[in-house]
PDB file of all heavy atoms in Angstrom:
ATOM      1  N   PRO A   1     -30.518 -83.065 -16.577  1.00  0.00           N
ATOM      2  CA  PRO A   1     -31.161 -84.377 -16.668  1.00  0.00           C
ATOM      3  C   PRO A   1     -32.645 -84.285 -17.016  1.00  0.00           C
ATOM      4  O   PRO A   1     -33.290 -85.310 -17.244  1.00  0.00           O
ATOM      5  CB  PRO A   1     -30.957 -84.952 -15.265  1.00  0.00           C
ATOM      6  CG  PRO A   1     -30.876 -83.760 -14.381  1.00  0.00           C
ATOM      7  CD  PRO A   1     -30.189 -82.692 -15.193  1.00  0.00           C
ATOM      8  N   ASP A   2     -33.178 -83.075 -17.033  1.00  0.00           N
ATOM      9  CA  ASP A   2     -34.581 -82.845 -17.409  1.00  0.00           C
ATOM     10  C   ASP A   2     -35.553 -83.626 -16.526  1.00  0.00           C
ATOM     11  O   ASP A   2     -36.581 -84.135 -16.995  1.00  0.00           O
ATOM     12  CB  ASP A   2     -34.819 -83.190 -18.885  1.00  0.00           C
ATOM     13  CG  ASP A   2     -34.067 -82.278 -19.834  1.00  0.00           C
ATOM     14  OD1 ASP A   2     -33.762 -81.143 -19.434  1.00  0.00           O
ATOM     15  OD2 ASP A   2     -33.776 -82.696 -20.964  1.00  0.00           O
ATOM     16  N   ARG A   3     -35.252 -83.713 -15.237  1.00  0.00           N
ATOM     17  CA  ARG A   3     -36.181 -84.316 -14.290  1.00  0.00           C
ATOM     18  C   ARG A   3     -37.042 -83.225 -13.656  1.00  0.00           C
ATOM     19  O   ARG A   3     -36.604 -82.085 -13.501  1.00  0.00           O
ATOM     20  CB  ARG A   3     -35.431 -85.070 -13.198  1.00  0.00           C
ATOM     21  CG  ARG A   3     -34.597 -86.238 -13.671  1.00  0.00           C
ATOM     22  CD  ARG A   3     -34.120 -87.057 -12.470  1.00  0.00           C
ATOM     23  NE  ARG A   3     -33.202 -88.122 -12.867  1.00  0.00           N
ATOM     24  CZ  ARG A   3     -31.881 -88.050 -12.755  1.00  0.00           C
ATOM     25  NH1 ARG A   3     -31.335 -86.941 -12.261  1.00  0.00           N
ATOM     26  NH2 ARG A   3     -31.121 -89.045 -13.126  1.00  0.00           N
ATOM     27  N   SER A   4     -38.220 -83.591 -13.238  1.00  0.00           N
ATOM     28  CA  SER A   4     -39.097 -82.620 -12.593  1.00  0.00           C
ATOM     29  C   SER A   4     -38.501 -82.133 -11.277  1.00  0.00           C
ATOM     30  O   SER A   4     -37.964 -82.920 -10.487  1.00  0.00           O
ATOM     31  CB  SER A   4     -40.473 -83.232 -12.334  1.00  0.00           C
ATOM     32  OG  SER A   4     -41.211 -83.343 -13.533  1.00  0.00           O
ATOM     33  N   VAL A   5     -38.591 -80.826 -11.084  1.00  0.00           N
ATOM     34  CA  VAL A   5     -38.201 -80.190  -9.830  1.00  0.00           C
ATOM     35  C   VAL A   5     -39.477 -79.585  -9.246  1.00  0.00           C
ATOM     36  O   VAL A   5     -40.081 -78.689  -9.837  1.00  0.00           O
ATOM     37  CB  VAL A   5     -37.130 -79.110 -10.052  1.00  0.00           C
ATOM     38  CG1 VAL A   5     -36.775 -78.431  -8.734  1.00  0.00           C
ATOM     39  CG2 VAL A   5     -35.887 -79.709 -10.698  1.00  0.00           C
ATOM     40  N   TYR A   6     -39.897 -80.115  -8.097  1.00  0.00           N
ATOM     41  CA  TYR A   6     -41.172 -79.726  -7.493  1.00  0.00           C
ATOM     42  C   TYR A   6     -40.928 -78.621  -6.472  1.00  0.00           C
ATOM     43  O   TYR A   6     -40.456 -78.881  -5.355  1.00  0.00           O
ATOM     44  CB  TYR A   6     -41.830 -80.921  -6.812  1.00  0.00           C
ATOM     45  CG  TYR A   6     -42.126 -82.076  -7.740  1.00  0.00           C
ATOM     46  CD1 TYR A   6     -41.161 -83.073  -7.971  1.00  0.00           C
ATOM     47  CD2 TYR A   6     -43.353 -82.198  -8.373  1.00  0.00           C
ATOM     48  CE1 TYR A   6     -41.424 -84.143  -8.806  1.00  0.00           C
ATOM     49  CE2 TYR A   6     -43.631 -83.267  -9.212  1.00  0.00           C
ATOM     50  CZ  TYR A   6     -42.657 -84.233  -9.430  1.00  0.00           C
ATOM     51  OH  TYR A   6     -42.929 -85.291 -10.259  1.00  0.00           O
ATOM     52  N   ILE A   7     -41.209 -77.397  -6.861  1.00  0.00           N
ATOM     53  CA  ILE A   7     -41.113 -76.248  -5.961  1.00  0.00           C
ATOM     54  C   ILE A   7     -42.519 -75.674  -5.877  1.00  0.00           C
ATOM     55  O   ILE A   7     -43.075 -75.210  -6.888  1.00  0.00           O
ATOM     56  CB  ILE A   7     -40.117 -75.211  -6.481  1.00  0.00           C
ATOM     57  CG1 ILE A   7     -38.728 -75.844  -6.652  1.00  0.00           C
ATOM     58  CG2 ILE A   7     -40.040 -74.017  -5.536  1.00  0.00           C
ATOM     59  CD1 ILE A   7     -37.740 -74.980  -7.393  1.00  0.00           C
ATOM     60  N   ALA A   8     -43.123 -75.737  -4.700  1.00  0.00           N
ATOM     61  CA  ALA A   8     -44.547 -75.398  -4.583  1.00  0.00           C
ATOM     62  C   ALA A   8     -44.832 -74.811  -3.205  1.00  0.00           C
ATOM     63  O   ALA A   8     -44.089 -75.046  -2.245  1.00  0.00           O
ATOM     64  CB  ALA A   8     -45.396 -76.646  -4.813  1.00  0.00           C
ATOM     65  N   TYR A   9     -45.921 -74.068  -3.128  1.00  0.00           N
ATOM     66  CA  TYR A   9     -46.360 -73.522  -1.839  1.00  0.00           C
ATOM     67  C   TYR A   9     -47.870 -73.335  -1.853  1.00  0.00           C
ATOM     68  O   TYR A   9     -48.514 -73.288  -2.911  1.00  0.00           O
ATOM     69  CB  TYR A   9     -45.657 -72.201  -1.531  1.00  0.00           C
ATOM     70  CG  TYR A   9     -46.127 -71.017  -2.359  1.00  0.00           C
ATOM     71  CD1 TYR A   9     -47.137 -70.165  -1.897  1.00  0.00           C
ATOM     72  CD2 TYR A   9     -45.563 -70.743  -3.605  1.00  0.00           C
ATOM     73  CE1 TYR A   9     -47.556 -69.076  -2.653  1.00  0.00           C
ATOM     74  CE2 TYR A   9     -45.974 -69.668  -4.362  1.00  0.00           C
ATOM     75  CZ  TYR A   9     -46.978 -68.835  -3.877  1.00  0.00           C
ATOM     76  OH  TYR A   9     -47.405 -67.766  -4.621  1.00  0.00           O
ATOM     77  N   ARG A  10     -48.432 -73.208  -0.641  1.00  0.00           N
ATOM     78  CA  ARG A  10     -49.870 -72.917  -0.506  1.00  0.00           C
ATOM     79  C   ARG A  10     -50.069 -72.013   0.698  1.00  0.00           C
ATOM     80  O   ARG A  10     -49.514 -72.253   1.771  1.00  0.00           O
ATOM     81  CB  ARG A  10     -50.669 -74.213  -0.316  1.00  0.00           C
ATOM     82  CG  ARG A  10     -52.173 -73.962  -0.136  1.00  0.00           C
ATOM     83  CD  ARG A  10     -52.948 -75.262  -0.108  1.00  0.00           C
ATOM     84  NE  ARG A  10     -52.538 -76.125   0.998  1.00  0.00           N
ATOM     85  CZ  ARG A  10     -52.962 -77.382   1.134  1.00  0.00           C
ATOM     86  NH1 ARG A  10     -53.794 -77.920   0.238  1.00  0.00           N
ATOM     87  NH2 ARG A  10     -52.547 -78.102   2.156  1.00  0.00           N
ATOM     88  N   THR A  11     -50.836 -70.965   0.508  1.00  0.00           N
ATOM     89  CA  THR A  11     -51.216 -70.067   1.593  1.00  0.00           C
ATOM     90  C   THR A  11     -52.736 -69.992   1.664  1.00  0.00           C
ATOM     91  O   THR A  11     -53.428 -70.057   0.635  1.00  0.00           O
ATOM     92  CB  THR A  11     -50.654 -68.656   1.386  1.00  0.00           C
ATOM     93  OG1 THR A  11     -51.096 -68.163   0.111  1.00  0.00           O
ATOM     94  CG2 THR A  11     -49.140 -68.651   1.429  1.00  0.00           C
ATOM     95  N   GLY A  12     -53.234 -69.862   2.883  1.00  0.00           N
ATOM     96  CA  GLY A  12     -54.684 -69.731   3.055  1.00  0.00           C
ATOM     97  C   GLY A  12     -55.424 -70.914   2.456  1.00  0.00           C
ATOM     98  O   GLY A  12     -55.011 -72.072   2.581  1.00  0.00           O
ATOM     99  N   ARG A  13     -56.499 -70.595   1.765  1.00  0.00           N
ATOM    100  CA  ARG A  13     -57.314 -71.636   1.140  1.00  0.00           C
ATOM    101  C   ARG A  13     -57.165 -71.638  -0.378  1.00  0.00           C
ATOM    102  O   ARG A  13     -58.012 -72.168  -1.100  1.00  0.00           O
ATOM    103  CB  ARG A  13     -58.774 -71.447   1.553  1.00  0.00           C
ATOM    104  CG  ARG A  13     -58.968 -71.679   3.066  1.00  0.00           C
ATOM    105  CD  ARG A  13     -60.239 -71.056   3.614  1.00  0.00           C
ATOM    106  NE  ARG A  13     -60.321 -71.281   5.062  1.00  0.00           N
ATOM    107  CZ  ARG A  13     -59.715 -70.512   5.968  1.00  0.00           C
ATOM    108  NH1 ARG A  13     -58.958 -69.488   5.572  1.00  0.00           N
ATOM    109  NH2 ARG A  13     -59.847 -70.772   7.259  1.00  0.00           N
ATOM    110  N   ALA A  14     -56.096 -71.040  -0.833  1.00  0.00           N
ATOM    111  CA  ALA A  14     -55.829 -70.971  -2.269  1.00  0.00           C
ATOM    112  C   ALA A  14     -55.296 -72.310  -2.767  1.00  0.00           C
ATOM    113  O   ALA A  14     -54.831 -73.148  -1.986  1.00  0.00           O
ATOM    114  CB  ALA A  14     -54.813 -69.867  -2.549  1.00  0.00           C
ATOM    115  N   PRO A  15     -55.321 -72.535  -4.069  1.00  0.00           N
ATOM    116  CA  PRO A  15     -54.716 -73.747  -4.618  1.00  0.00           C
ATOM    117  C   PRO A  15     -53.210 -73.777  -4.359  1.00  0.00           C
ATOM    118  O   PRO A  15     -52.566 -72.754  -4.120  1.00  0.00           O
ATOM    119  CB  PRO A  15     -55.016 -73.645  -6.126  1.00  0.00           C
ATOM    120  CG  PRO A  15     -56.142 -72.689  -6.244  1.00  0.00           C
ATOM    121  CD  PRO A  15     -55.972 -71.712  -5.107  1.00  0.00           C
ATOM    122  N   VAL A  16     -52.653 -74.955  -4.440  1.00  0.00           N
ATOM    123  CA  VAL A  16     -51.200 -75.104  -4.371  1.00  0.00           C
ATOM    124  C   VAL A  16     -50.589 -74.455  -5.610  1.00  0.00           C
ATOM    125  O   VAL A  16     -50.999 -74.726  -6.741  1.00  0.00           O
ATOM    126  CB  VAL A  16     -50.809 -76.597  -4.323  1.00  0.00           C
ATOM    127  CG1 VAL A  16     -49.283 -76.738  -4.299  1.00  0.00           C
ATOM    128  CG2 VAL A  16     -51.441 -77.284  -3.122  1.00  0.00           C
ATOM    129  N   GLN A  17     -49.612 -73.591  -5.403  1.00  0.00           N
ATOM    130  CA  GLN A  17     -48.929 -72.906  -6.501  1.00  0.00           C
ATOM    131  C   GLN A  17     -47.663 -73.704  -6.846  1.00  0.00           C
ATOM    132  O   GLN A  17     -46.749 -73.809  -6.019  1.00  0.00           O
ATOM    133  CB  GLN A  17     -48.551 -71.485  -6.095  1.00  0.00           C
ATOM    134  CG  GLN A  17     -49.708 -70.655  -5.543  1.00  0.00           C
ATOM    135  CD  GLN A  17     -50.696 -70.268  -6.626  1.00  0.00           C
ATOM    136  OE1 GLN A  17     -50.311 -69.832  -7.722  1.00  0.00           O
ATOM    137  NE2 GLN A  17     -51.979 -70.433  -6.335  1.00  0.00           N
ATOM    138  N   VAL A  18     -47.623 -74.272  -8.040  1.00  0.00           N
ATOM    139  CA  VAL A  18     -46.486 -75.089  -8.466  1.00  0.00           C
ATOM    140  C   VAL A  18     -45.686 -74.308  -9.501  1.00  0.00           C
ATOM    141  O   VAL A  18     -46.208 -73.949 -10.571  1.00  0.00           O
ATOM    142  CB  VAL A  18     -46.953 -76.430  -9.060  1.00  0.00           C
ATOM    143  CG1 VAL A  18     -45.748 -77.267  -9.484  1.00  0.00           C
ATOM    144  CG2 VAL A  18     -47.801 -77.200  -8.049  1.00  0.00           C
ATOM    145  N   LEU A  19     -44.425 -74.034  -9.189  1.00  0.00           N
ATOM    146  CA  LEU A  19     -43.579 -73.284 -10.112  1.00  0.00           C
ATOM    147  C   LEU A  19     -43.295 -74.116 -11.371  1.00  0.00           C
ATOM    148  O   LEU A  19     -43.316 -75.351 -11.317  1.00  0.00           O
ATOM    149  CB  LEU A  19     -42.283 -72.869  -9.423  1.00  0.00           C
ATOM    150  CG  LEU A  19     -42.347 -71.529  -8.659  1.00  0.00           C
ATOM    151  CD1 LEU A  19     -43.391 -71.548  -7.543  1.00  0.00           C
ATOM    152  CD2 LEU A  19     -40.979 -71.147  -8.091  1.00  0.00           C
ATOM    153  N   PRO A  20     -43.015 -73.448 -12.500  1.00  0.00           N
ATOM    154  CA  PRO A  20     -42.999 -74.145 -13.803  1.00  0.00           C
ATOM    155  C   PRO A  20     -41.713 -74.905 -14.109  1.00  0.00           C
ATOM    156  O   PRO A  20     -41.106 -74.741 -15.169  1.00  0.00           O
ATOM    157  CB  PRO A  20     -43.210 -72.993 -14.787  1.00  0.00           C
ATOM    158  CG  PRO A  20     -42.584 -71.808 -14.136  1.00  0.00           C
ATOM    159  CD  PRO A  20     -42.868 -71.981 -12.659  1.00  0.00           C
ATOM    160  N   PHE A  21     -41.299 -75.763 -13.162  1.00  0.00           N
ATOM    161  CA  PHE A  21     -40.066 -76.515 -13.350  1.00  0.00           C
ATOM    162  C   PHE A  21     -40.301 -78.022 -13.414  1.00  0.00           C
ATOM    163  O   PHE A  21     -39.418 -78.817 -13.083  1.00  0.00           O
ATOM    164  CB  PHE A  21     -39.071 -76.171 -12.234  1.00  0.00           C
ATOM    165  CG  PHE A  21     -38.709 -74.714 -12.194  1.00  0.00           C
ATOM    166  CD1 PHE A  21     -38.884 -73.973 -11.039  1.00  0.00           C
ATOM    167  CD2 PHE A  21     -38.215 -74.088 -13.320  1.00  0.00           C
ATOM    168  CE1 PHE A  21     -38.559 -72.620 -10.998  1.00  0.00           C
ATOM    169  CE2 PHE A  21     -37.888 -72.731 -13.300  1.00  0.00           C
ATOM    170  CZ  PHE A  21     -38.067 -71.998 -12.134  1.00  0.00           C
ATOM    171  N   LEU A  22     -41.494 -78.413 -13.843  1.00  0.00           N
ATOM    172  CA  LEU A  22     -41.770 -79.824 -14.060  1.00  0.00           C
ATOM    173  C   LEU A  22     -41.400 -80.180 -15.493  1.00  0.00           C
ATOM    174  O   LEU A  22     -41.577 -79.381 -16.411  1.00  0.00           O
ATOM    175  CB  LEU A  22     -43.242 -80.134 -13.814  1.00  0.00           C
ATOM    176  CG  LEU A  22     -43.834 -79.705 -12.462  1.00  0.00           C
ATOM    177  CD1 LEU A  22     -45.275 -80.174 -12.353  1.00  0.00           C
ATOM    178  CD2 LEU A  22     -43.007 -80.248 -11.305  1.00  0.00           C
ATOM    179  N   SER A  23     -40.918 -81.401 -15.678  1.00  0.00           N
ATOM    180  CA  SER A  23     -40.593 -81.851 -17.035  1.00  0.00           C
ATOM    181  C   SER A  23     -41.787 -82.504 -17.716  1.00  0.00           C
ATOM    182  O   SER A  23     -41.750 -82.764 -18.923  1.00  0.00           O
ATOM    183  CB  SER A  23     -39.424 -82.838 -16.997  1.00  0.00           C
ATOM    184  OG  SER A  23     -39.741 -83.963 -16.207  1.00  0.00           O
ATOM    185  N   ALA A  24     -42.846 -82.770 -16.948  1.00  0.00           N
ATOM    186  CA  ALA A  24     -44.074 -83.348 -17.492  1.00  0.00           C
ATOM    187  C   ALA A  24     -45.219 -82.934 -16.579  1.00  0.00           C
ATOM    188  O   ALA A  24     -45.000 -82.620 -15.402  1.00  0.00           O
ATOM    189  CB  ALA A  24     -43.969 -84.864 -17.576  1.00  0.00           C
ATOM    190  N   PRO A  25     -46.451 -82.918 -17.076  1.00  0.00           N
ATOM    191  CA  PRO A  25     -47.588 -82.565 -16.212  1.00  0.00           C
ATOM    192  C   PRO A  25     -47.709 -83.528 -15.038  1.00  0.00           C
ATOM    193  O   PRO A  25     -47.265 -84.680 -15.097  1.00  0.00           O
ATOM    194  CB  PRO A  25     -48.799 -82.679 -17.152  1.00  0.00           C
ATOM    195  CG  PRO A  25     -48.235 -82.580 -18.527  1.00  0.00           C
ATOM    196  CD  PRO A  25     -46.856 -83.175 -18.467  1.00  0.00           C
ATOM    197  N   LEU A  26     -48.326 -83.063 -13.967  1.00  0.00           N
ATOM    198  CA  LEU A  26     -48.569 -83.930 -12.823  1.00  0.00           C
ATOM    199  C   LEU A  26     -49.423 -85.115 -13.251  1.00  0.00           C
ATOM    200  O   LEU A  26     -50.400 -84.965 -13.996  1.00  0.00           O
ATOM    201  CB  LEU A  26     -49.279 -83.147 -11.711  1.00  0.00           C
ATOM    202  CG  LEU A  26     -48.459 -82.032 -11.056  1.00  0.00           C
ATOM    203  CD1 LEU A  26     -49.330 -81.203 -10.127  1.00  0.00           C
ATOM    204  CD2 LEU A  26     -47.277 -82.617 -10.284  1.00  0.00           C
ATOM    205  N   GLY A  27     -49.047 -86.310 -12.796  1.00  0.00           N
ATOM    206  CA  GLY A  27     -49.734 -87.523 -13.230  1.00  0.00           C
ATOM    207  C   GLY A  27     -50.685 -88.068 -12.187  1.00  0.00           C
ATOM    208  O   GLY A  27     -51.109 -87.372 -11.259  1.00  0.00           O
ATOM    209  N   LEU A  28     -51.003 -89.355 -12.314  1.00  0.00           N
ATOM    210  CA  LEU A  28     -51.969 -90.007 -11.435  1.00  0.00           C
ATOM    211  C   LEU A  28     -51.354 -90.510 -10.135  1.00  0.00           C
ATOM    212  O   LEU A  28     -52.066 -91.011  -9.272  1.00  0.00           O
ATOM    213  CB  LEU A  28     -52.602 -91.196 -12.172  1.00  0.00           C
ATOM    214  CG  LEU A  28     -53.477 -90.857 -13.381  1.00  0.00           C
ATOM    215  CD1 LEU A  28     -53.886 -92.140 -14.091  1.00  0.00           C
ATOM    216  CD2 LEU A  28     -54.695 -90.059 -12.960  1.00  0.00           C
ATOM    217  N   GLY A  29     -50.058 -90.421 -10.012  1.00  0.00           N
ATOM    218  CA  GLY A  29     -49.436 -90.952  -8.813  1.00  0.00           C
ATOM    219  C   GLY A  29     -49.589 -92.457  -8.751  1.00  0.00           C
ATOM    220  O   GLY A  29     -49.467 -93.163  -9.754  1.00  0.00           O
ATOM    221  N   GLU A  30     -49.920 -92.978  -7.556  1.00  0.00           N
ATOM    222  CA  GLU A  30     -50.025 -94.427  -7.410  1.00  0.00           C
ATOM    223  C   GLU A  30     -51.189 -95.012  -8.193  1.00  0.00           C
ATOM    224  O   GLU A  30     -51.212 -96.211  -8.502  1.00  0.00           O
ATOM    225  CB  GLU A  30     -50.142 -94.805  -5.924  1.00  0.00           C
ATOM    226  CG  GLU A  30     -51.508 -94.538  -5.300  1.00  0.00           C
ATOM    227  CD  GLU A  30     -51.665 -93.112  -4.815  1.00  0.00           C
ATOM    228  OE1 GLU A  30     -50.817 -92.266  -5.170  1.00  0.00           O
ATOM    229  OE2 GLU A  30     -52.613 -92.850  -4.074  1.00  0.00           O
TER     230      GLU A  30
END
């Protein structure tokens, strides 16, 4: 269906690591 699959993690103070299974870049949300 080519929908985004959000698989992500964060450790320590590092950025959130988002695995490359999104169908489009992260947007503005609300």
